[in-house]
Amino acid sequence: DTLSVSLVTGAVRRGRIPITLAEGELALLLALAREQRSQSVPELTDMLWPDHDEQSAVRSLQSRIHRLRGRLGDPSAIENLAQGYRLRPGVVVDLWHAEHFLRQVAPVKTMQASAVVQLDALRHVFGTKRPTPLASWEWYGPIEVRVAAVARTARLRLGEHWMRSGDHKAALDCAQELIAADDLDEAGWELSIRAHLGAGSVSEGQRDFRAYRELLARELAAEPSPSLAALVHSERNGHAS
């Protein structure tokens, strides 16, 4: 059965059967899963045992590799190469697959239904908060950035799809999720404004623009992009005429 590892939730499965790991074993597995390439011993020890001396950290790594292989029930799942350690090709890691999928699915005028379903799943699964014990690992920060980027891209792609399809309510849902994740994300505010304008709610679009402009001024002493301002102003003038 296929071994699958989730960098989003920390879940590990052999086929459909969950594998329970101690926190240290899970940390090592997720550290290996963050990259498809081989990772050197110093790279792994500096990440997982930053306060240990070199010899102690290397012994801890070797011991944990041994225990983790036993827990996974497949010693070959972790390969020992000249350059270091890596997960064997064929191990399924959710973040790898999500990033690959988004690279392959470029924005298009008409999106296949299967792509919409996958984007919707990524939007929800990758948009969750970091669970315990992942929240306590400082080295997990760069992974969390990648996870958030997947959720953001999925929401943007879906939002554009729903705008093209004329489903402004669904587009607005994606926009609100983008803004909730990062209230300074102009792409989220633009999608929200366009969704309101597309639905004929000009006043709501103008309200969002004012809210974003005030937020930018307060937080960054900045202004919305000229293109966003032009979008709102042109709609305002058209509505007035």
C-alpha atoms as a PDB file:
ATOM      1  CA  ASP A   1       0.000   0.000   0.000  1.00  0.00           C
ATOM      2  CA  THR A   2       1.120   3.562  -0.732  1.00  0.00           C
ATOM      3  CA  LEU A   3       2.646   5.593   2.079  1.00  0.00           C
ATOM      4  CA  SER A   4       1.151   9.098   2.222  1.00  0.00           C
ATOM      5  CA  VAL A   5       2.335  12.054   4.289  1.00  0.00           C
ATOM      6  CA  SER A   6       0.445  15.302   4.877  1.00  0.00           C
ATOM      7  CA  LEU A   7       2.542  18.413   5.464  1.00  0.00           C
ATOM      8  CA  VAL A   8      -0.726  20.261   6.110  1.00  0.00           C
ATOM      9  CA  THR A   9      -2.214  18.122   8.882  1.00  0.00           C
ATOM     10  CA  GLY A  10       0.668  15.869   9.915  1.00  0.00           C
ATOM     11  CA  ALA A  11      -1.366  12.763   9.065  1.00  0.00           C
ATOM     12  CA  VAL A  12       0.541   9.666   7.949  1.00  0.00           C
ATOM     13  CA  ARG A  13      -1.141   6.675   6.300  1.00  0.00           C
ATOM     14  CA  ARG A  14      -0.290   3.356   4.750  1.00  0.00           C
ATOM     15  CA  GLY A  15      -3.091   2.996   2.235  1.00  0.00           C
ATOM     16  CA  ARG A  16      -6.139   3.881   4.325  1.00  0.00           C
ATOM     17  CA  ILE A  17      -4.601   2.844   7.636  1.00  0.00           C
ATOM     18  CA  PRO A  18      -3.361   5.696   9.875  1.00  0.00           C
ATOM     19  CA  ILE A  19       0.153   5.394  11.283  1.00  0.00           C
ATOM     20  CA  THR A  20       0.683   6.842  14.748  1.00  0.00           C
ATOM     21  CA  LEU A  21       4.096   8.397  15.319  1.00  0.00           C
ATOM     22  CA  ALA A  22       5.763   9.959  18.329  1.00  0.00           C
ATOM     23  CA  GLU A  23       6.255  13.709  17.985  1.00  0.00           C
ATOM     24  CA  GLY A  24       9.976  13.387  17.287  1.00  0.00           C
ATOM     25  CA  GLU A  25       9.387  10.750  14.619  1.00  0.00           C
ATOM     26  CA  LEU A  26       6.704  12.874  12.983  1.00  0.00           C
ATOM     27  CA  ALA A  27       9.020  15.890  13.004  1.00  0.00           C
ATOM     28  CA  LEU A  28      11.729  13.944  11.199  1.00  0.00           C
ATOM     29  CA  LEU A  29       9.279  12.545   8.652  1.00  0.00           C
ATOM     30  CA  LEU A  30       7.844  15.975   7.849  1.00  0.00           C
ATOM     31  CA  ALA A  31      11.332  17.462   7.670  1.00  0.00           C
ATOM     32  CA  LEU A  32      12.206  14.845   5.058  1.00  0.00           C
ATOM     33  CA  ALA A  33       8.886  15.398   3.274  1.00  0.00           C
ATOM     34  CA  ARG A  34       9.401  19.137   2.827  1.00  0.00           C
ATOM     35  CA  GLU A  35      11.733  18.508  -0.142  1.00  0.00           C
ATOM     36  CA  GLN A  36      11.874  15.862  -2.852  1.00  0.00           C
ATOM     37  CA  ARG A  37      15.644  16.144  -3.004  1.00  0.00           C
ATOM     38  CA  SER A  38      18.126  14.487  -0.679  1.00  0.00           C
ATOM     39  CA  GLN A  39      18.830  16.452   2.513  1.00  0.00           C
ATOM     40  CA  SER A  40      22.248  16.354   4.131  1.00  0.00           C
ATOM     41  CA  VAL A  41      22.879  15.224   7.690  1.00  0.00           C
ATOM     42  CA  PRO A  42      23.985  18.728   8.816  1.00  0.00           C
ATOM     43  CA  GLU A  43      20.877  20.215   7.216  1.00  0.00           C
ATOM     44  CA  LEU A  44      18.595  17.883   9.142  1.00  0.00           C
ATOM     45  CA  THR A  45      20.459  18.078  12.452  1.00  0.00           C
ATOM     46  CA  ASP A  46      20.644  21.889  12.346  1.00  0.00           C
ATOM     47  CA  MET A  47      16.900  21.960  11.803  1.00  0.00           C
ATOM     48  CA  LEU A  48      15.798  19.383  14.359  1.00  0.00           C
ATOM     49  CA  TRP A  49      18.558  19.588  16.992  1.00  0.00           C
ATOM     50  CA  PRO A  50      19.897  23.143  16.781  1.00  0.00           C
ATOM     51  CA  ASP A  51      21.065  23.154  20.423  1.00  0.00           C
ATOM     52  CA  HIS A  52      22.964  19.843  20.321  1.00  0.00           C
ATOM     53  CA  ASP A  53      26.636  19.437  19.568  1.00  0.00           C
ATOM     54  CA  GLU A  54      27.429  17.790  16.232  1.00  0.00           C
ATOM     55  CA  GLN A  55      28.104  14.266  17.503  1.00  0.00           C
ATOM     56  CA  SER A  56      25.043  14.189  19.720  1.00  0.00           C
ATOM     57  CA  ALA A  57      22.820  15.516  16.918  1.00  0.00           C
ATOM     58  CA  VAL A  58      24.129  12.941  14.426  1.00  0.00           C
ATOM     59  CA  ARG A  59      23.509  10.097  16.897  1.00  0.00           C
ATOM     60  CA  SER A  60      19.996  11.391  17.532  1.00  0.00           C
ATOM     61  CA  LEU A  61      19.292  11.543  13.807  1.00  0.00           C
ATOM     62  CA  GLN A  62      20.555   8.008  13.172  1.00  0.00           C
ATOM     63  CA  SER A  63      18.565   6.641  16.093  1.00  0.00           C
ATOM     64  CA  ARG A  64      15.390   8.402  14.990  1.00  0.00           C
ATOM     65  CA  ILE A  65      15.807   7.287  11.381  1.00  0.00           C
ATOM     66  CA  HIS A  66      16.011   3.687  12.631  1.00  0.00           C
ATOM     67  CA  ARG A  67      12.870   4.031  14.779  1.00  0.00           C
ATOM     68  CA  LEU A  68      10.946   5.838  12.053  1.00  0.00           C
ATOM     69  CA  ARG A  69      11.689   3.150   9.484  1.00  0.00           C
ATOM     70  CA  GLY A  70      10.346   0.578  11.910  1.00  0.00           C
ATOM     71  CA  ARG A  71       7.191   2.589  12.610  1.00  0.00           C
ATOM     72  CA  LEU A  72       6.501   3.020   8.899  1.00  0.00           C
ATOM     73  CA  GLY A  73       6.866  -0.725   8.392  1.00  0.00           C
ATOM     74  CA  ASP A  74       9.047  -0.140   5.351  1.00  0.00           C
ATOM     75  CA  PRO A  75      12.787   0.519   5.808  1.00  0.00           C
ATOM     76  CA  SER A  76      13.080   1.470   2.134  1.00  0.00           C
ATOM     77  CA  ALA A  77      10.673   4.405   2.577  1.00  0.00           C
ATOM     78  CA  ILE A  78      13.651   6.483   3.744  1.00  0.00           C
ATOM     79  CA  GLU A  79      16.614   6.274   1.410  1.00  0.00           C
ATOM     80  CA  ASN A  80      20.176   6.809   2.596  1.00  0.00           C
ATOM     81  CA  LEU A  81      22.126   8.370  -0.263  1.00  0.00           C
ATOM     82  CA  ALA A  82      25.637   9.758  -0.468  1.00  0.00           C
ATOM     83  CA  GLN A  83      24.189  13.258  -0.193  1.00  0.00           C
ATOM     84  CA  GLY A  84      22.001  12.434   2.822  1.00  0.00           C
ATOM     85  CA  TYR A  85      18.441  11.195   3.310  1.00  0.00           C
ATOM     86  CA  ARG A  86      15.234  11.497   1.321  1.00  0.00           C
ATOM     87  CA  LEU A  87      11.824   9.863   1.043  1.00  0.00           C
ATOM     88  CA  ARG A  88      11.661   7.170  -1.597  1.00  0.00           C
ATOM     89  CA  PRO A  89      10.040   8.172  -4.901  1.00  0.00           C
ATOM     90  CA  GLY A  90       6.479   6.903  -4.733  1.00  0.00           C
ATOM     91  CA  VAL A  91       5.770   8.246  -1.247  1.00  0.00           C
ATOM     92  CA  VAL A  92       2.802  10.598  -1.647  1.00  0.00           C
ATOM     93  CA  VAL A  93       3.249  14.029  -0.072  1.00  0.00           C
ATOM     94  CA  ASP A  94       0.237  16.343  -0.311  1.00  0.00           C
ATOM     95  CA  LEU A  95       2.193  19.581  -0.685  1.00  0.00           C
ATOM     96  CA  TRP A  96       4.286  18.233  -3.565  1.00  0.00           C
ATOM     97  CA  HIS A  97       1.183  17.145  -5.436  1.00  0.00           C
ATOM     98  CA  ALA A  98      -0.682  20.399  -4.768  1.00  0.00           C
ATOM     99  CA  GLU A  99       2.180  22.568  -6.004  1.00  0.00           C
ATOM    100  CA  HIS A 100       2.601  20.372  -9.095  1.00  0.00           C
ATOM    101  CA  PHE A 101      -1.132  20.536  -9.839  1.00  0.00           C
ATOM    102  CA  LEU A 102      -1.182  24.344  -9.611  1.00  0.00           C
ATOM    103  CA  ARG A 103       1.792  24.603 -11.962  1.00  0.00           C
ATOM    104  CA  GLN A 104      -0.053  22.452 -14.495  1.00  0.00           C
ATOM    105  CA  VAL A 105      -3.443  24.166 -14.241  1.00  0.00           C
ATOM    106  CA  ALA A 106      -2.927  27.600 -15.701  1.00  0.00           C
ATOM    107  CA  PRO A 107      -5.800  30.118 -15.690  1.00  0.00           C
ATOM    108  CA  VAL A 108      -7.962  29.386 -18.722  1.00  0.00           C
ATOM    109  CA  LYS A 109     -11.228  30.731 -20.081  1.00  0.00           C
ATOM    110  CA  THR A 110     -13.031  27.436 -19.559  1.00  0.00           C
ATOM    111  CA  MET A 111     -11.869  25.251 -16.669  1.00  0.00           C
ATOM    112  CA  GLN A 112     -12.630  21.545 -16.564  1.00  0.00           C
ATOM    113  CA  ALA A 113     -15.029  20.426 -13.830  1.00  0.00           C
ATOM    114  CA  SER A 114     -12.400  18.097 -12.364  1.00  0.00           C
ATOM    115  CA  ALA A 115      -9.975  21.013 -11.989  1.00  0.00           C
ATOM    116  CA  VAL A 116     -12.648  23.075 -10.227  1.00  0.00           C
ATOM    117  CA  VAL A 117     -13.264  20.231  -7.770  1.00  0.00           C
ATOM    118  CA  GLN A 118      -9.538  19.880  -7.035  1.00  0.00           C
ATOM    119  CA  LEU A 119      -9.078  23.626  -6.582  1.00  0.00           C
ATOM    120  CA  ASP A 120     -12.022  23.716  -4.187  1.00  0.00           C
ATOM    121  CA  ALA A 121     -10.471  20.899  -2.148  1.00  0.00           C
ATOM    122  CA  LEU A 122      -7.100  22.675  -2.022  1.00  0.00           C
ATOM    123  CA  ARG A 123      -8.780  25.915  -1.031  1.00  0.00           C
ATOM    124  CA  HIS A 124     -10.320  24.272   2.031  1.00  0.00           C
ATOM    125  CA  VAL A 125      -7.695  21.728   3.083  1.00  0.00           C
ATOM    126  CA  PHE A 126      -4.694  24.026   2.677  1.00  0.00           C
ATOM    127  CA  GLY A 127      -6.550  26.954   4.232  1.00  0.00           C
ATOM    128  CA  THR A 128      -6.734  25.360   7.676  1.00  0.00           C
ATOM    129  CA  LYS A 129      -4.685  26.514  10.661  1.00  0.00           C
ATOM    130  CA  ARG A 130      -1.470  24.717  11.583  1.00  0.00           C
ATOM    131  CA  PRO A 131      -2.319  21.886  14.012  1.00  0.00           C
ATOM    132  CA  THR A 132      -0.473  20.808  17.132  1.00  0.00           C
ATOM    133  CA  PRO A 133       2.383  19.839  17.364  1.00  0.00           C
ATOM    134  CA  LEU A 134       3.312  21.506  14.081  1.00  0.00           C
ATOM    135  CA  ALA A 135       2.539  24.899  15.609  1.00  0.00           C
ATOM    136  CA  SER A 136       5.457  24.542  18.042  1.00  0.00           C
ATOM    137  CA  TRP A 137       8.133  23.848  15.402  1.00  0.00           C
ATOM    138  CA  GLU A 138      10.011  26.975  14.332  1.00  0.00           C
ATOM    139  CA  TRP A 139      11.532  25.226  11.315  1.00  0.00           C
ATOM    140  CA  TYR A 140       8.042  24.506   9.972  1.00  0.00           C
ATOM    141  CA  GLY A 141       7.541  28.196   9.134  1.00  0.00           C
ATOM    142  CA  PRO A 142       8.721  27.986   5.495  1.00  0.00           C
ATOM    143  CA  ILE A 143       6.429  24.991   4.945  1.00  0.00           C
ATOM    144  CA  GLU A 144       3.517  26.979   6.341  1.00  0.00           C
ATOM    145  CA  VAL A 145       4.272  29.744   3.826  1.00  0.00           C
ATOM    146  CA  ARG A 146       4.096  27.216   0.981  1.00  0.00           C
ATOM    147  CA  VAL A 147       0.841  25.766   2.348  1.00  0.00           C
ATOM    148  CA  ALA A 148      -0.691  29.247   2.540  1.00  0.00           C
ATOM    149  CA  ALA A 149       0.469  29.971  -1.021  1.00  0.00           C
ATOM    150  CA  VAL A 150      -1.375  26.885  -2.270  1.00  0.00           C
ATOM    151  CA  ALA A 151      -4.589  27.992  -0.569  1.00  0.00           C
ATOM    152  CA  ARG A 152      -4.208  31.533  -1.929  1.00  0.00           C
ATOM    153  CA  THR A 153      -3.570  30.397  -5.499  1.00  0.00           C
ATOM    154  CA  ALA A 154      -6.513  27.983  -5.374  1.00  0.00           C
ATOM    155  CA  ARG A 155      -8.829  30.742  -4.121  1.00  0.00           C
ATOM    156  CA  LEU A 156      -7.664  33.172  -6.791  1.00  0.00           C
ATOM    157  CA  ARG A 157      -8.051  30.620  -9.597  1.00  0.00           C
ATOM    158  CA  LEU A 158     -11.497  29.628  -8.345  1.00  0.00           C
ATOM    159  CA  GLY A 159     -12.536  33.239  -7.898  1.00  0.00           C
ATOM    160  CA  GLU A 160     -11.600  34.025 -11.498  1.00  0.00           C
ATOM    161  CA  HIS A 161     -13.431  30.909 -12.661  1.00  0.00           C
ATOM    162  CA  TRP A 162     -16.595  31.922 -10.837  1.00  0.00           C
ATOM    163  CA  MET A 163     -16.364  35.469 -12.187  1.00  0.00           C
ATOM    164  CA  ARG A 164     -16.136  34.141 -15.747  1.00  0.00           C
ATOM    165  CA  SER A 165     -19.062  31.814 -14.999  1.00  0.00           C
ATOM    166  CA  GLY A 166     -21.158  34.672 -13.630  1.00  0.00           C
ATOM    167  CA  ASP A 167     -21.401  33.179 -10.132  1.00  0.00           C
ATOM    168  CA  HIS A 168     -20.525  36.334  -8.225  1.00  0.00           C
ATOM    169  CA  LYS A 169     -21.567  34.898  -4.855  1.00  0.00           C
ATOM    170  CA  ALA A 170     -19.064  32.044  -5.166  1.00  0.00           C
ATOM    171  CA  ALA A 171     -16.378  34.500  -6.304  1.00  0.00           C
ATOM    172  CA  LEU A 172     -17.146  36.690  -3.295  1.00  0.00           C
ATOM    173  CA  ASP A 173     -16.741  33.704  -0.959  1.00  0.00           C
ATOM    174  CA  CYS A 174     -13.219  33.151  -2.328  1.00  0.00           C
ATOM    175  CA  ALA A 175     -12.441  36.850  -1.987  1.00  0.00           C
ATOM    176  CA  GLN A 176     -13.553  36.920   1.646  1.00  0.00           C
ATOM    177  CA  GLU A 177     -11.337  33.933   2.411  1.00  0.00           C
ATOM    178  CA  LEU A 178      -8.374  35.704   0.801  1.00  0.00           C
ATOM    179  CA  ILE A 179      -8.988  38.827   2.860  1.00  0.00           C
ATOM    180  CA  ALA A 180      -9.451  36.807   6.062  1.00  0.00           C
ATOM    181  CA  ALA A 181      -6.079  35.131   5.448  1.00  0.00           C
ATOM    182  CA  ASP A 182      -4.315  38.441   4.694  1.00  0.00           C
ATOM    183  CA  ASP A 183      -6.257  41.671   4.962  1.00  0.00           C
ATOM    184  CA  LEU A 184      -3.569  43.517   2.966  1.00  0.00           C
ATOM    185  CA  ASP A 185      -3.847  41.198  -0.037  1.00  0.00           C
ATOM    186  CA  GLU A 186      -4.970  43.524  -2.804  1.00  0.00           C
ATOM    187  CA  ALA A 187      -5.866  40.621  -5.087  1.00  0.00           C
ATOM    188  CA  GLY A 188      -8.483  39.554  -2.541  1.00  0.00           C
ATOM    189  CA  TRP A 189      -9.951  43.041  -2.270  1.00  0.00           C
ATOM    190  CA  GLU A 190      -9.975  43.424  -6.056  1.00  0.00           C
ATOM    191  CA  LEU A 191     -11.813  40.124  -6.453  1.00  0.00           C
ATOM    192  CA  SER A 192     -14.337  41.195  -3.816  1.00  0.00           C
ATOM    193  CA  ILE A 193     -14.902  44.560  -5.491  1.00  0.00           C
ATOM    194  CA  ARG A 194     -15.269  42.979  -8.935  1.00  0.00           C
ATOM    195  CA  ALA A 195     -17.714  40.405  -7.551  1.00  0.00           C
ATOM    196  CA  HIS A 196     -19.860  43.146  -6.027  1.00  0.00           C
ATOM    197  CA  LEU A 197     -19.749  45.224  -9.200  1.00  0.00           C
ATOM    198  CA  GLY A 198     -20.511  42.173 -11.347  1.00  0.00           C
ATOM    199  CA  ALA A 199     -23.568  41.466  -9.209  1.00  0.00           C
ATOM    200  CA  GLY A 200     -24.716  45.075  -9.608  1.00  0.00           C
ATOM    201  CA  SER A 201     -23.895  46.036  -6.024  1.00  0.00           C
ATOM    202  CA  VAL A 202     -21.919  49.184  -6.830  1.00  0.00           C
ATOM    203  CA  SER A 203     -22.259  50.614  -3.326  1.00  0.00           C
ATOM    204  CA  GLU A 204     -20.847  47.422  -1.817  1.00  0.00           C
ATOM    205  CA  GLY A 205     -17.895  47.543  -4.189  1.00  0.00           C
ATOM    206  CA  GLN A 206     -17.238  51.167  -3.277  1.00  0.00           C
ATOM    207  CA  ARG A 207     -17.505  50.306   0.419  1.00  0.00           C
ATOM    208  CA  ASP A 208     -14.876  47.595   0.032  1.00  0.00           C
ATOM    209  CA  PHE A 209     -12.584  49.995  -1.814  1.00  0.00           C
ATOM    210  CA  ARG A 210     -12.874  52.580   0.963  1.00  0.00           C
ATOM    211  CA  ALA A 211     -12.222  49.932   3.620  1.00  0.00           C
ATOM    212  CA  TYR A 212      -9.110  48.697   1.805  1.00  0.00           C
ATOM    213  CA  ARG A 213      -7.848  52.255   1.182  1.00  0.00           C
ATOM    214  CA  GLU A 214      -8.243  53.146   4.851  1.00  0.00           C
ATOM    215  CA  LEU A 215      -6.530  49.931   5.932  1.00  0.00           C
ATOM    216  CA  LEU A 216      -3.566  50.557   3.628  1.00  0.00           C
ATOM    217  CA  ALA A 217      -3.217  54.136   4.847  1.00  0.00           C
ATOM    218  CA  ARG A 218      -3.326  53.064   8.487  1.00  0.00           C
ATOM    219  CA  GLU A 219      -1.024  50.046   8.226  1.00  0.00           C
ATOM    220  CA  LEU A 220       1.416  50.963   5.464  1.00  0.00           C
ATOM    221  CA  ALA A 221       0.847  54.638   4.724  1.00  0.00           C
ATOM    222  CA  ALA A 222       0.126  53.547   1.154  1.00  0.00           C
ATOM    223  CA  GLU A 223      -2.615  53.811  -1.464  1.00  0.00           C
ATOM    224  CA  PRO A 224      -4.405  51.143  -3.526  1.00  0.00           C
ATOM    225  CA  SER A 225      -2.926  50.483  -6.953  1.00  0.00           C
ATOM    226  CA  PRO A 226      -3.961  52.910  -9.716  1.00  0.00           C
ATOM    227  CA  SER A 227      -5.629  50.065 -11.619  1.00  0.00           C
ATOM    228  CA  LEU A 228      -7.888  49.211  -8.669  1.00  0.00           C
ATOM    229  CA  ALA A 229      -8.757  52.861  -8.114  1.00  0.00           C
ATOM    230  CA  ALA A 230      -9.536  53.241 -11.827  1.00  0.00           C
ATOM    231  CA  LEU A 231     -11.821  50.182 -11.702  1.00  0.00           C
ATOM    232  CA  VAL A 232     -13.907  51.672  -8.915  1.00  0.00           C
ATOM    233  CA  HIS A 233     -13.928  55.206 -10.283  1.00  0.00           C
ATOM    234  CA  SER A 234     -14.958  54.122 -13.773  1.00  0.00           C
ATOM    235  CA  GLU A 235     -17.807  52.072 -12.357  1.00  0.00           C
ATOM    236  CA  ARG A 236     -18.849  54.981 -10.133  1.00  0.00           C
ATOM    237  CA  ASN A 237     -18.914  57.388 -13.084  1.00  0.00           C
ATOM    238  CA  GLY A 238     -20.761  54.906 -15.277  1.00  0.00           C
ATOM    239  CA  HIS A 239     -23.325  54.305 -12.548  1.00  0.00           C
ATOM    240  CA  ALA A 240     -23.795  58.026 -11.999  1.00  0.00           C
ATOM    241  CA  SER A 241     -24.360  58.656 -15.700  1.00  0.00           C
END
